[in-house]
PDB file of N, CA and C in Angstrom:
ATOM      1  N   MET A   1      62.290 -48.628 -57.424  1.00  0.00           N
ATOM      2  CA  MET A   1      62.276 -49.843 -56.632  1.00  0.00           C
ATOM      3  C   MET A   1      62.503 -51.037 -57.561  1.00  0.00           C
ATOM      4  N   ASN A   2      63.394 -51.911 -57.169  1.00  0.00           N
ATOM      5  CA  ASN A   2      63.690 -53.056 -58.025  1.00  0.00           C
ATOM      6  C   ASN A   2      62.725 -54.215 -57.760  1.00  0.00           C
ATOM      7  N   LEU A   3      62.858 -55.248 -58.573  1.00  0.00           N
ATOM      8  CA  LEU A   3      61.950 -56.387 -58.500  1.00  0.00           C
ATOM      9  C   LEU A   3      61.987 -57.060 -57.133  1.00  0.00           C
ATOM     10  N   ARG A   4      63.187 -57.223 -56.575  1.00  0.00           N
ATOM     11  CA  ARG A   4      63.318 -57.900 -55.279  1.00  0.00           C
ATOM     12  C   ARG A   4      62.617 -57.109 -54.180  1.00  0.00           C
ATOM     13  N   SER A   5      62.850 -55.801 -54.149  1.00  0.00           N
ATOM     14  CA  SER A   5      62.210 -55.011 -53.091  1.00  0.00           C
ATOM     15  C   SER A   5      60.696 -54.967 -53.294  1.00  0.00           C
ATOM     16  N   ASN A   6      60.235 -55.034 -54.543  1.00  0.00           N
ATOM     17  CA  ASN A   6      58.795 -55.123 -54.811  1.00  0.00           C
ATOM     18  C   ASN A   6      58.217 -56.406 -54.232  1.00  0.00           C
ATOM     19  N   ARG A   7      58.915 -57.510 -54.450  1.00  0.00           N
ATOM     20  CA  ARG A   7      58.449 -58.806 -53.938  1.00  0.00           C
ATOM     21  C   ARG A   7      58.447 -58.811 -52.416  1.00  0.00           C
ATOM     22  N   VAL A   8      59.509 -58.271 -51.822  1.00  0.00           N
ATOM     23  CA  VAL A   8      59.592 -58.199 -50.362  1.00  0.00           C
ATOM     24  C   VAL A   8      58.454 -57.323 -49.834  1.00  0.00           C
ATOM     25  N   ALA A   9      58.191 -56.198 -50.486  1.00  0.00           N
ATOM     26  CA  ALA A   9      57.124 -55.284 -50.059  1.00  0.00           C
ATOM     27  C   ALA A   9      55.770 -55.981 -50.102  1.00  0.00           C
ATOM     28  N   GLU A  10      55.491 -56.716 -51.168  1.00  0.00           N
ATOM     29  CA  GLU A  10      54.215 -57.437 -51.286  1.00  0.00           C
ATOM     30  C   GLU A  10      54.073 -58.482 -50.185  1.00  0.00           C
ATOM     31  N   GLN A  11      55.149 -59.224 -49.950  1.00  0.00           N
ATOM     32  CA  GLN A  11      55.133 -60.253 -48.916  1.00  0.00           C
ATOM     33  C   GLN A  11      54.936 -59.615 -47.541  1.00  0.00           C
ATOM     34  N   MET A  12      55.632 -58.502 -47.306  1.00  0.00           N
ATOM     35  CA  MET A  12      55.520 -57.812 -46.020  1.00  0.00           C
ATOM     36  C   MET A  12      54.103 -57.293 -45.808  1.00  0.00           C
ATOM     37  N   LYS A  13      53.484 -56.781 -46.865  1.00  0.00           N
ATOM     38  CA  LYS A  13      52.119 -56.257 -46.759  1.00  0.00           C
ATOM     39  C   LYS A  13      51.179 -57.359 -46.271  1.00  0.00           C
ATOM     40  N   LYS A  14      51.323 -58.539 -46.865  1.00  0.00           N
ATOM     41  CA  LYS A  14      50.484 -59.682 -46.493  1.00  0.00           C
ATOM     42  C   LYS A  14      50.727 -60.072 -45.031  1.00  0.00           C
ATOM     43  N   GLU A  15      51.994 -60.213 -44.665  1.00  0.00           N
ATOM     44  CA  GLU A  15      52.332 -60.644 -43.307  1.00  0.00           C
ATOM     45  C   GLU A  15      51.943 -59.586 -42.263  1.00  0.00           C
ATOM     46  N   LEU A  16      52.190 -58.316 -42.571  1.00  0.00           N
ATOM     47  CA  LEU A  16      51.852 -57.247 -41.627  1.00  0.00           C
ATOM     48  C   LEU A  16      50.351 -57.191 -41.380  1.00  0.00           C
ATOM     49  N   SER A  17      49.557 -57.374 -42.436  1.00  0.00           N
ATOM     50  CA  SER A  17      48.100 -57.379 -42.279  1.00  0.00           C
ATOM     51  C   SER A  17      47.688 -58.480 -41.320  1.00  0.00           C
ATOM     52  N   ASP A  18      48.302 -59.643 -41.465  1.00  0.00           N
ATOM     53  CA  ASP A  18      47.989 -60.778 -40.611  1.00  0.00           C
ATOM     54  C   ASP A  18      48.438 -60.518 -39.170  1.00  0.00           C
ATOM     55  N   ILE A  19      49.665 -60.034 -38.998  1.00  0.00           N
ATOM     56  CA  ILE A  19      50.217 -59.781 -37.660  1.00  0.00           C
ATOM     57  C   ILE A  19      49.384 -58.726 -36.927  1.00  0.00           C
ATOM     58  N   ILE A  20      49.099 -57.607 -37.600  1.00  0.00           N
ATOM     59  CA  ILE A  20      48.352 -56.516 -36.967  1.00  0.00           C
ATOM     60  C   ILE A  20      46.918 -56.960 -36.671  1.00  0.00           C
ATOM     61  N   GLY A  21      46.347 -57.723 -37.592  1.00  0.00           N
ATOM     62  CA  GLY A  21      44.967 -58.165 -37.422  1.00  0.00           C
ATOM     63  C   GLY A  21      44.770 -59.239 -36.371  1.00  0.00           C
ATOM     64  N   ARG A  22      45.775 -60.091 -36.156  1.00  0.00           N
ATOM     65  CA  ARG A  22      45.574 -61.252 -35.284  1.00  0.00           C
ATOM     66  C   ARG A  22      46.461 -61.306 -34.049  1.00  0.00           C
ATOM     67  N   LYS A  23      47.671 -60.807 -34.145  1.00  0.00           N
ATOM     68  CA  LYS A  23      48.657 -61.031 -33.072  1.00  0.00           C
ATOM     69  C   LYS A  23      48.705 -59.924 -32.024  1.00  0.00           C
ATOM     70  N   LEU A  24      48.359 -58.702 -32.410  1.00  0.00           N
ATOM     71  CA  LEU A  24      48.503 -57.590 -31.470  1.00  0.00           C
ATOM     72  C   LEU A  24      47.311 -57.503 -30.530  1.00  0.00           C
ATOM     73  N   LYS A  25      47.610 -57.381 -29.246  1.00  0.00           N
ATOM     74  CA  LYS A  25      46.552 -57.343 -28.237  1.00  0.00           C
ATOM     75  C   LYS A  25      46.388 -55.947 -27.624  1.00  0.00           C
ATOM     76  N   ASP A  26      47.082 -54.955 -28.155  1.00  0.00           N
ATOM     77  CA  ASP A  26      47.017 -53.598 -27.616  1.00  0.00           C
ATOM     78  C   ASP A  26      45.621 -53.020 -27.862  1.00  0.00           C
ATOM     79  N   PRO A  27      44.906 -52.642 -26.803  1.00  0.00           N
ATOM     80  CA  PRO A  27      43.541 -52.125 -26.975  1.00  0.00           C
ATOM     81  C   PRO A  27      43.481 -50.793 -27.735  1.00  0.00           C
ATOM     82  N   ARG A  28      44.615 -50.101 -27.808  1.00  0.00           N
ATOM     83  CA  ARG A  28      44.630 -48.818 -28.545  1.00  0.00           C
ATOM     84  C   ARG A  28      44.521 -49.026 -30.044  1.00  0.00           C
ATOM     85  N   ILE A  29      44.972 -50.191 -30.498  1.00  0.00           N
ATOM     86  CA  ILE A  29      44.999 -50.426 -31.941  1.00  0.00           C
ATOM     87  C   ILE A  29      43.610 -50.825 -32.416  1.00  0.00           C
ATOM     88  N   GLY A  30      43.038 -49.975 -33.243  1.00  0.00           N
ATOM     89  CA  GLY A  30      41.692 -50.206 -33.751  1.00  0.00           C
ATOM     90  C   GLY A  30      41.706 -51.050 -35.012  1.00  0.00           C
ATOM     91  N   PHE A  31      40.755 -50.770 -35.884  1.00  0.00           N
ATOM     92  CA  PHE A  31      40.643 -51.515 -37.130  1.00  0.00           C
ATOM     93  C   PHE A  31      41.621 -50.917 -38.145  1.00  0.00           C
ATOM     94  N   VAL A  32      42.798 -51.528 -38.237  1.00  0.00           N
ATOM     95  CA  VAL A  32      43.878 -51.016 -39.083  1.00  0.00           C
ATOM     96  C   VAL A  32      43.956 -51.836 -40.373  1.00  0.00           C
ATOM     97  N   THR A  33      44.070 -51.138 -41.499  1.00  0.00           N
ATOM     98  CA  THR A  33      44.275 -51.800 -42.782  1.00  0.00           C
ATOM     99  C   THR A  33      45.621 -51.365 -43.335  1.00  0.00           C
ATOM    100  N   VAL A  34      46.447 -52.333 -43.724  1.00  0.00           N
ATOM    101  CA  VAL A  34      47.721 -52.016 -44.375  1.00  0.00           C
ATOM    102  C   VAL A  34      47.409 -51.846 -45.861  1.00  0.00           C
ATOM    103  N   THR A  35      47.557 -50.613 -46.367  1.00  0.00           N
ATOM    104  CA  THR A  35      47.197 -50.344 -47.760  1.00  0.00           C
ATOM    105  C   THR A  35      48.377 -50.505 -48.710  1.00  0.00           C
ATOM    106  N   ASP A  36      49.598 -50.286 -48.202  1.00  0.00           N
ATOM    107  CA  ASP A  36      50.766 -50.390 -49.077  1.00  0.00           C
ATOM    108  C   ASP A  36      52.020 -50.501 -48.220  1.00  0.00           C
ATOM    109  N   VAL A  37      53.045 -51.112 -48.801  1.00  0.00           N
ATOM    110  CA  VAL A  37      54.359 -51.162 -48.160  1.00  0.00           C
ATOM    111  C   VAL A  37      55.374 -50.815 -49.240  1.00  0.00           C
ATOM    112  N   GLN A  38      56.256 -49.869 -48.944  1.00  0.00           N
ATOM    113  CA  GLN A  38      57.322 -49.514 -49.876  1.00  0.00           C
ATOM    114  C   GLN A  38      58.654 -49.765 -49.183  1.00  0.00           C
ATOM    115  N   VAL A  39      59.439 -50.650 -49.806  1.00  0.00           N
ATOM    116  CA  VAL A  39      60.731 -51.029 -49.240  1.00  0.00           C
ATOM    117  C   VAL A  39      61.830 -50.347 -50.040  1.00  0.00           C
ATOM    118  N   THR A  40      62.831 -49.816 -49.334  1.00  0.00           N
ATOM    119  CA  THR A  40      63.954 -49.189 -50.028  1.00  0.00           C
ATOM    120  C   THR A  40      64.732 -50.263 -50.789  1.00  0.00           C
ATOM    121  N   GLY A  41      65.446 -49.854 -51.808  1.00  0.00           N
ATOM    122  CA  GLY A  41      66.202 -50.775 -52.657  1.00  0.00           C
ATOM    123  C   GLY A  41      67.188 -51.638 -51.887  1.00  0.00           C
ATOM    124  N   ASP A  42      67.749 -51.089 -50.805  1.00  0.00           N
ATOM    125  CA  ASP A  42      68.714 -51.850 -49.999  1.00  0.00           C
ATOM    126  C   ASP A  42      68.031 -52.683 -48.910  1.00  0.00           C
ATOM    127  N   LEU A  43      66.688 -52.670 -48.903  1.00  0.00           N
ATOM    128  CA  LEU A  43      65.882 -53.434 -47.948  1.00  0.00           C
ATOM    129  C   LEU A  43      66.139 -53.037 -46.490  1.00  0.00           C
ATOM    130  N   GLN A  44      66.594 -51.805 -46.261  1.00  0.00           N
ATOM    131  CA  GLN A  44      66.880 -51.344 -44.898  1.00  0.00           C
ATOM    132  C   GLN A  44      65.641 -50.785 -44.207  1.00  0.00           C
ATOM    133  N   GLN A  45      64.753 -50.160 -44.992  1.00  0.00           N
ATOM    134  CA  GLN A  45      63.569 -49.529 -44.414  1.00  0.00           C
ATOM    135  C   GLN A  45      62.319 -49.927 -45.192  1.00  0.00           C
ATOM    136  N   ALA A  46      61.218 -50.027 -44.463  1.00  0.00           N
ATOM    137  CA  ALA A  46      59.925 -50.305 -45.078  1.00  0.00           C
ATOM    138  C   ALA A  46      58.919 -49.290 -44.560  1.00  0.00           C
ATOM    139  N   LYS A  47      58.355 -48.504 -45.481  1.00  0.00           N
ATOM    140  CA  LYS A  47      57.289 -47.578 -45.108  1.00  0.00           C
ATOM    141  C   LYS A  47      55.987 -48.347 -45.217  1.00  0.00           C
ATOM    142  N   VAL A  48      55.268 -48.398 -44.106  1.00  0.00           N
ATOM    143  CA  VAL A  48      54.017 -49.144 -44.044  1.00  0.00           C
ATOM    144  C   VAL A  48      52.881 -48.126 -44.009  1.00  0.00           C
ATOM    145  N   TYR A  49      52.090 -48.099 -45.082  1.00  0.00           N
ATOM    146  CA  TYR A  49      50.971 -47.163 -45.164  1.00  0.00           C
ATOM    147  C   TYR A  49      49.718 -47.833 -44.618  1.00  0.00           C
ATOM    148  N   ILE A  50      49.055 -47.134 -43.694  1.00  0.00           N
ATOM    149  CA  ILE A  50      47.874 -47.705 -43.048  1.00  0.00           C
ATOM    150  C   ILE A  50      46.686 -46.754 -43.113  1.00  0.00           C
ATOM    151  N   THR A  51      45.496 -47.337 -43.026  1.00  0.00           N
ATOM    152  CA  THR A  51      44.296 -46.551 -42.776  1.00  0.00           C
ATOM    153  C   THR A  51      43.691 -47.122 -41.503  1.00  0.00           C
ATOM    154  N   VAL A  52      43.016 -46.253 -40.753  1.00  0.00           N
ATOM    155  CA  VAL A  52      42.394 -46.664 -39.498  1.00  0.00           C
ATOM    156  C   VAL A  52      40.962 -46.182 -39.507  1.00  0.00           C
ATOM    157  N   LEU A  53      40.053 -47.099 -39.191  1.00  0.00           N
ATOM    158  CA  LEU A  53      38.650 -46.734 -39.086  1.00  0.00           C
ATOM    159  C   LEU A  53      38.458 -45.971 -37.789  1.00  0.00           C
ATOM    160  N   GLY A  54      37.797 -44.816 -37.863  1.00  0.00           N
ATOM    161  CA  GLY A  54      37.531 -44.067 -36.635  1.00  0.00           C
ATOM    162  C   GLY A  54      37.896 -42.605 -36.752  1.00  0.00           C
ATOM    163  N   ASN A  55      37.772 -41.909 -35.625  1.00  0.00           N
ATOM    164  CA  ASN A  55      38.067 -40.478 -35.606  1.00  0.00           C
ATOM    165  C   ASN A  55      39.577 -40.242 -35.446  1.00  0.00           C
ATOM    166  N   ASP A  56      39.956 -38.975 -35.415  1.00  0.00           N
ATOM    167  CA  ASP A  56      41.387 -38.628 -35.337  1.00  0.00           C
ATOM    168  C   ASP A  56      42.052 -39.191 -34.090  1.00  0.00           C
ATOM    169  N   GLU A  57      41.331 -39.171 -32.966  1.00  0.00           N
ATOM    170  CA  GLU A  57      41.906 -39.686 -31.710  1.00  0.00           C
ATOM    171  C   GLU A  57      42.171 -41.193 -31.833  1.00  0.00           C
ATOM    172  N   GLN A  58      41.215 -41.924 -32.413  1.00  0.00           N
ATOM    173  CA  GLN A  58      41.390 -43.369 -32.591  1.00  0.00           C
ATOM    174  C   GLN A  58      42.553 -43.658 -33.543  1.00  0.00           C
ATOM    175  N   LYS A  59      42.688 -42.812 -34.565  1.00  0.00           N
ATOM    176  CA  LYS A  59      43.793 -42.979 -35.520  1.00  0.00           C
ATOM    177  C   LYS A  59      45.133 -42.787 -34.820  1.00  0.00           C
ATOM    178  N   GLN A  60      45.226 -41.723 -34.012  1.00  0.00           N
ATOM    179  CA  GLN A  60      46.483 -41.447 -33.299  1.00  0.00           C
ATOM    180  C   GLN A  60      46.790 -42.541 -32.282  1.00  0.00           C
ATOM    181  N   ASP A  61      45.755 -43.037 -31.593  1.00  0.00           N
ATOM    182  CA  ASP A  61      45.941 -44.125 -30.626  1.00  0.00           C
ATOM    183  C   ASP A  61      46.465 -45.375 -31.324  1.00  0.00           C
ATOM    184  N   SER A  62      45.882 -45.689 -32.478  1.00  0.00           N
ATOM    185  CA  SER A  62      46.314 -46.876 -33.228  1.00  0.00           C
ATOM    186  C   SER A  62      47.767 -46.739 -33.653  1.00  0.00           C
ATOM    187  N   LEU A  63      48.128 -45.542 -34.138  1.00  0.00           N
ATOM    188  CA  LEU A  63      49.506 -45.301 -34.560  1.00  0.00           C
ATOM    189  C   LEU A  63      50.460 -45.446 -33.368  1.00  0.00           C
ATOM    190  N   ALA A  64      50.062 -44.914 -32.214  1.00  0.00           N
ATOM    191  CA  ALA A  64      50.893 -45.026 -30.997  1.00  0.00           C
ATOM    192  C   ALA A  64      51.064 -46.494 -30.606  1.00  0.00           C
ATOM    193  N   GLY A  65      49.986 -47.259 -30.690  1.00  0.00           N
ATOM    194  CA  GLY A  65      50.049 -48.686 -30.373  1.00  0.00           C
ATOM    195  C   GLY A  65      50.967 -49.437 -31.314  1.00  0.00           C
ATOM    196  N   LEU A  66      50.899 -49.102 -32.608  1.00  0.00           N
ATOM    197  CA  LEU A  66      51.772 -49.746 -33.602  1.00  0.00           C
ATOM    198  C   LEU A  66      53.230 -49.376 -33.356  1.00  0.00           C
ATOM    199  N   GLU A  67      53.479 -48.113 -33.021  1.00  0.00           N
ATOM    200  CA  GLU A  67      54.847 -47.664 -32.728  1.00  0.00           C
ATOM    201  C   GLU A  67      55.415 -48.443 -31.541  1.00  0.00           C
ATOM    202  N   LYS A  68      54.583 -48.636 -30.510  1.00  0.00           N
ATOM    203  CA  LYS A  68      55.020 -49.340 -29.311  1.00  0.00           C
ATOM    204  C   LYS A  68      55.306 -50.816 -29.618  1.00  0.00           C
ATOM    205  N   ALA A  69      54.541 -51.377 -30.546  1.00  0.00           N
ATOM    206  CA  ALA A  69      54.673 -52.803 -30.881  1.00  0.00           C
ATOM    207  C   ALA A  69      55.652 -53.044 -32.029  1.00  0.00           C
ATOM    208  N   LYS A  70      56.308 -51.980 -32.475  1.00  0.00           N
ATOM    209  CA  LYS A  70      57.171 -52.065 -33.661  1.00  0.00           C
ATOM    210  C   LYS A  70      58.217 -53.174 -33.570  1.00  0.00           C
ATOM    211  N   GLY A  71      58.858 -53.309 -32.419  1.00  0.00           N
ATOM    212  CA  GLY A  71      59.882 -54.344 -32.230  1.00  0.00           C
ATOM    213  C   GLY A  71      59.306 -55.742 -32.385  1.00  0.00           C
ATOM    214  N   PHE A  72      58.147 -55.962 -31.750  1.00  0.00           N
ATOM    215  CA  PHE A  72      57.467 -57.258 -31.843  1.00  0.00           C
ATOM    216  C   PHE A  72      57.053 -57.540 -33.290  1.00  0.00           C
ATOM    217  N   ILE A  73      56.456 -56.537 -33.937  1.00  0.00           N
ATOM    218  CA  ILE A  73      55.989 -56.703 -35.329  1.00  0.00           C
ATOM    219  C   ILE A  73      57.168 -57.032 -36.230  1.00  0.00           C
ATOM    220  N   ARG A  74      58.263 -56.319 -36.034  1.00  0.00           N
ATOM    221  CA  ARG A  74      59.452 -56.525 -36.861  1.00  0.00           C
ATOM    222  C   ARG A  74      60.014 -57.932 -36.683  1.00  0.00           C
ATOM    223  N   SER A  75      60.048 -58.413 -35.438  1.00  0.00           N
ATOM    224  CA  SER A  75      60.587 -59.762 -35.216  1.00  0.00           C
ATOM    225  C   SER A  75      59.646 -60.815 -35.804  1.00  0.00           C
ATOM    226  N   GLU A  76      58.339 -60.570 -35.734  1.00  0.00           N
ATOM    227  CA  GLU A  76      57.365 -61.488 -36.362  1.00  0.00           C
ATOM    228  C   GLU A  76      57.588 -61.550 -37.869  1.00  0.00           C
ATOM    229  N   VAL A  77      57.763 -60.374 -38.481  1.00  0.00           N
ATOM    230  CA  VAL A  77      58.018 -60.317 -39.925  1.00  0.00           C
ATOM    231  C   VAL A  77      59.309 -61.072 -40.238  1.00  0.00           C
ATOM    232  N   GLY A  78      60.320 -60.868 -39.393  1.00  0.00           N
ATOM    233  CA  GLY A  78      61.611 -61.532 -39.585  1.00  0.00           C
ATOM    234  C   GLY A  78      61.509 -63.045 -39.547  1.00  0.00           C
ATOM    235  N   GLN A  79      60.629 -63.562 -38.695  1.00  0.00           N
ATOM    236  CA  GLN A  79      60.456 -65.018 -38.615  1.00  0.00           C
ATOM    237  C   GLN A  79      59.710 -65.555 -39.838  1.00  0.00           C
ATOM    238  N   ARG A  80      58.829 -64.734 -40.399  1.00  0.00           N
ATOM    239  CA  ARG A  80      57.995 -65.194 -41.509  1.00  0.00           C
ATOM    240  C   ARG A  80      58.662 -65.027 -42.873  1.00  0.00           C
ATOM    241  N   ILE A  81      59.486 -64.001 -42.991  1.00  0.00           N
ATOM    242  CA  ILE A  81      60.161 -63.737 -44.271  1.00  0.00           C
ATOM    243  C   ILE A  81      61.657 -63.905 -44.055  1.00  0.00           C
ATOM    244  N   ARG A  82      62.257 -64.761 -44.820  1.00  0.00           N
ATOM    245  CA  ARG A  82      63.695 -65.024 -44.669  1.00  0.00           C
ATOM    246  C   ARG A  82      64.520 -63.936 -45.356  1.00  0.00           C
ATOM    247  N   LEU A  83      65.020 -63.013 -44.556  1.00  0.00           N
ATOM    248  CA  LEU A  83      65.904 -61.960 -45.050  1.00  0.00           C
ATOM    249  C   LEU A  83      67.089 -61.893 -44.097  1.00  0.00           C
ATOM    250  N   ARG A  84      68.241 -61.462 -44.609  1.00  0.00           N
ATOM    251  CA  ARG A  84      69.400 -61.324 -43.725  1.00  0.00           C
ATOM    252  C   ARG A  84      69.118 -60.323 -42.620  1.00  0.00           C
ATOM    253  N   LYS A  85      68.473 -59.226 -43.007  1.00  0.00           N
ATOM    254  CA  LYS A  85      68.132 -58.185 -42.028  1.00  0.00           C
ATOM    255  C   LYS A  85      66.704 -57.741 -42.306  1.00  0.00           C
ATOM    256  N   THR A  86      65.871 -57.774 -41.285  1.00  0.00           N
ATOM    257  CA  THR A  86      64.486 -57.319 -41.448  1.00  0.00           C
ATOM    258  C   THR A  86      64.479 -55.795 -41.527  1.00  0.00           C
ATOM    259  N   PRO A  87      63.786 -55.230 -42.528  1.00  0.00           N
ATOM    260  CA  PRO A  87      63.762 -53.766 -42.663  1.00  0.00           C
ATOM    261  C   PRO A  87      63.170 -53.079 -41.432  1.00  0.00           C
ATOM    262  N   GLU A  88      63.661 -51.877 -41.176  1.00  0.00           N
ATOM    263  CA  GLU A  88      63.109 -51.046 -40.113  1.00  0.00           C
ATOM    264  C   GLU A  88      61.724 -50.595 -40.574  1.00  0.00           C
ATOM    265  N   LEU A  89      60.740 -50.637 -39.672  1.00  0.00           N
ATOM    266  CA  LEU A  89      59.368 -50.285 -40.038  1.00  0.00           C
ATOM    267  C   LEU A  89      59.060 -48.829 -39.717  1.00  0.00           C
ATOM    268  N   ILE A  90      58.435 -48.161 -40.673  1.00  0.00           N
ATOM    269  CA  ILE A  90      57.996 -46.782 -40.471  1.00  0.00           C
ATOM    270  C   ILE A  90      56.507 -46.754 -40.822  1.00  0.00           C
ATOM    271  N   PHE A  91      55.669 -46.487 -39.813  1.00  0.00           N
ATOM    272  CA  PHE A  91      54.227 -46.454 -40.050  1.00  0.00           C
ATOM    273  C   PHE A  91      53.784 -45.045 -40.413  1.00  0.00           C
ATOM    274  N   GLU A  92      52.985 -44.938 -41.478  1.00  0.00           N
ATOM    275  CA  GLU A  92      52.442 -43.648 -41.894  1.00  0.00           C
ATOM    276  C   GLU A  92      50.996 -43.832 -42.316  1.00  0.00           C
ATOM    277  N   PHE A  93      50.196 -42.784 -42.113  1.00  0.00           N
ATOM    278  CA  PHE A  93      48.817 -42.837 -42.578  1.00  0.00           C
ATOM    279  C   PHE A  93      48.785 -42.721 -44.090  1.00  0.00           C
ATOM    280  N   ASP A  94      47.926 -43.502 -44.711  1.00  0.00           N
ATOM    281  CA  ASP A  94      47.740 -43.414 -46.160  1.00  0.00           C
ATOM    282  C   ASP A  94      46.759 -42.282 -46.417  1.00  0.00           C
ATOM    283  N   GLU A  95      47.287 -41.147 -46.838  1.00  0.00           N
ATOM    284  CA  GLU A  95      46.457 -39.960 -47.051  1.00  0.00           C
ATOM    285  C   GLU A  95      45.692 -40.034 -48.374  1.00  0.00           C
ATOM    286  N   SER A  96      46.088 -40.932 -49.269  1.00  0.00           N
ATOM    287  CA  SER A  96      45.493 -40.961 -50.607  1.00  0.00           C
ATOM    288  C   SER A  96      43.998 -41.275 -50.568  1.00  0.00           C
ATOM    289  N   ILE A  97      43.569 -42.097 -49.611  1.00  0.00           N
ATOM    290  CA  ILE A  97      42.155 -42.452 -49.524  1.00  0.00           C
ATOM    291  C   ILE A  97      41.339 -41.251 -49.063  1.00  0.00           C
ATOM    292  N   ASP A  98      41.838 -40.542 -48.038  1.00  0.00           N
ATOM    293  CA  ASP A  98      41.151 -39.323 -47.589  1.00  0.00           C
ATOM    294  C   ASP A  98      41.102 -38.297 -48.707  1.00  0.00           C
ATOM    295  N   TYR A  99      42.204 -38.189 -49.422  1.00  0.00           N
ATOM    296  CA  TYR A  99      42.295 -37.240 -50.530  1.00  0.00           C
ATOM    297  C   TYR A  99      41.259 -37.589 -51.599  1.00  0.00           C
ATOM    298  N   GLY A 100      41.166 -38.861 -51.943  1.00  0.00           N
ATOM    299  CA  GLY A 100      40.197 -39.319 -52.948  1.00  0.00           C
ATOM    300  C   GLY A 100      38.770 -39.056 -52.496  1.00  0.00           C
ATOM    301  N   ASN A 101      38.480 -39.327 -51.235  1.00  0.00           N
ATOM    302  CA  ASN A 101      37.138 -39.069 -50.694  1.00  0.00           C
ATOM    303  C   ASN A 101      36.800 -37.587 -50.728  1.00  0.00           C
ATOM    304  N   ARG A 102      37.794 -36.741 -50.414  1.00  0.00           N
ATOM    305  CA  ARG A 102      37.576 -35.301 -50.420  1.00  0.00           C
ATOM    306  C   ARG A 102      37.249 -34.814 -51.831  1.00  0.00           C
ATOM    307  N   ILE A 103      37.968 -35.319 -52.823  1.00  0.00           N
ATOM    308  CA  ILE A 103      37.722 -34.933 -54.213  1.00  0.00           C
ATOM    309  C   ILE A 103      36.326 -35.388 -54.640  1.00  0.00           C
ATOM    310  N   GLU A 104      35.970 -36.624 -54.267  1.00  0.00           N
ATOM    311  CA  GLU A 104      34.647 -37.163 -54.611  1.00  0.00           C
ATOM    312  C   GLU A 104      33.537 -36.293 -54.016  1.00  0.00           C
ATOM    313  N   THR A 105      33.710 -35.874 -52.769  1.00  0.00           N
ATOM    314  CA  THR A 105      32.723 -35.017 -52.110  1.00  0.00           C
ATOM    315  C   THR A 105      32.601 -33.680 -52.833  1.00  0.00           C
ATOM    316  N   LEU A 106      33.739 -33.112 -53.222  1.00  0.00           N
ATOM    317  CA  LEU A 106      33.719 -31.827 -53.939  1.00  0.00           C
ATOM    318  C   LEU A 106      33.010 -31.947 -55.283  1.00  0.00           C
ATOM    319  N   ILE A 107      33.260 -33.048 -55.990  1.00  0.00           N
ATOM    320  CA  ILE A 107      32.617 -33.262 -57.294  1.00  0.00           C
ATOM    321  C   ILE A 107      31.103 -33.398 -57.119  1.00  0.00           C
ATOM    322  N   LYS A 108      30.678 -34.160 -56.115  1.00  0.00           N
ATOM    323  CA  LYS A 108      29.236 -34.304 -55.842  1.00  0.00           C
ATOM    324  C   LYS A 108      28.616 -32.952 -55.542  1.00  0.00           C
ATOM    325  N   LYS A 109      29.309 -32.150 -54.743  1.00  0.00           N
ATOM    326  CA  LYS A 109      28.809 -30.831 -54.361  1.00  0.00           C
ATOM    327  C   LYS A 109      28.671 -29.933 -55.593  1.00  0.00           C
ATOM    328  N   LEU A 110      29.644 -30.007 -56.492  1.00  0.00           N
ATOM    329  CA  LEU A 110      29.566 -29.234 -57.726  1.00  0.00           C
ATOM    330  C   LEU A 110      28.343 -29.614 -58.540  1.00  0.00           C
ATOM    331  N   HIS A 111      28.098 -30.916 -58.668  1.00  0.00           N
ATOM    332  CA  HIS A 111      26.940 -31.397 -59.433  1.00  0.00           C
ATOM    333  C   HIS A 111      25.624 -30.962 -58.790  1.00  0.00           C
ATOM    334  N   GLU A 112      25.576 -30.989 -57.443  1.00  0.00           N
ATOM    335  CA  GLU A 112      24.364 -30.558 -56.745  1.00  0.00           C
ATOM    336  C   GLU A 112      24.130 -29.069 -56.951  1.00  0.00           C
ATOM    337  N   ASP A 113      25.214 -28.290 -56.943  1.00  0.00           N
ATOM    338  CA  ASP A 113      25.082 -26.843 -57.131  1.00  0.00           C
ATOM    339  C   ASP A 113      24.605 -26.490 -58.527  1.00  0.00           C
ATOM    340  N   GLU A 114      24.916 -27.336 -59.513  1.00  0.00           N
ATOM    341  CA  GLU A 114      24.512 -27.091 -60.893  1.00  0.00           C
ATOM    342  C   GLU A 114      23.003 -27.276 -61.076  1.00  0.00           C
ATOM    343  N   HIS A 115      22.419 -28.173 -60.288  1.00  0.00           N
ATOM    344  CA  HIS A 115      20.986 -28.509 -60.472  1.00  0.00           C
ATOM    345  C   HIS A 115      20.069 -27.660 -59.666  1.00  0.00           C
TER     346      HIS A 115
END
């Protein structure tokens, strides 16, 4: 990823957090945190990594709500960030946090088993 796409990704992360947190009124969308945004070098696509507080059903509902609002979110981003073409948004769950928590739990369990 080049410097420009890095800057665009950082800016998008900030704006997306604001848009999702304040502008969306879909009741399906729960407490969503934008953890990372990765923009392709040609600025055509942006992968938006999110975490959602709640159970699996709430996570899926939030993702469905974001998918439905994708056009609105994209146009909001387009108004806030001056680009010739606003990148297409792809929402994905950030698995790294769950992965980290799982490892932490396993390490704790190992230590408990030792004592």
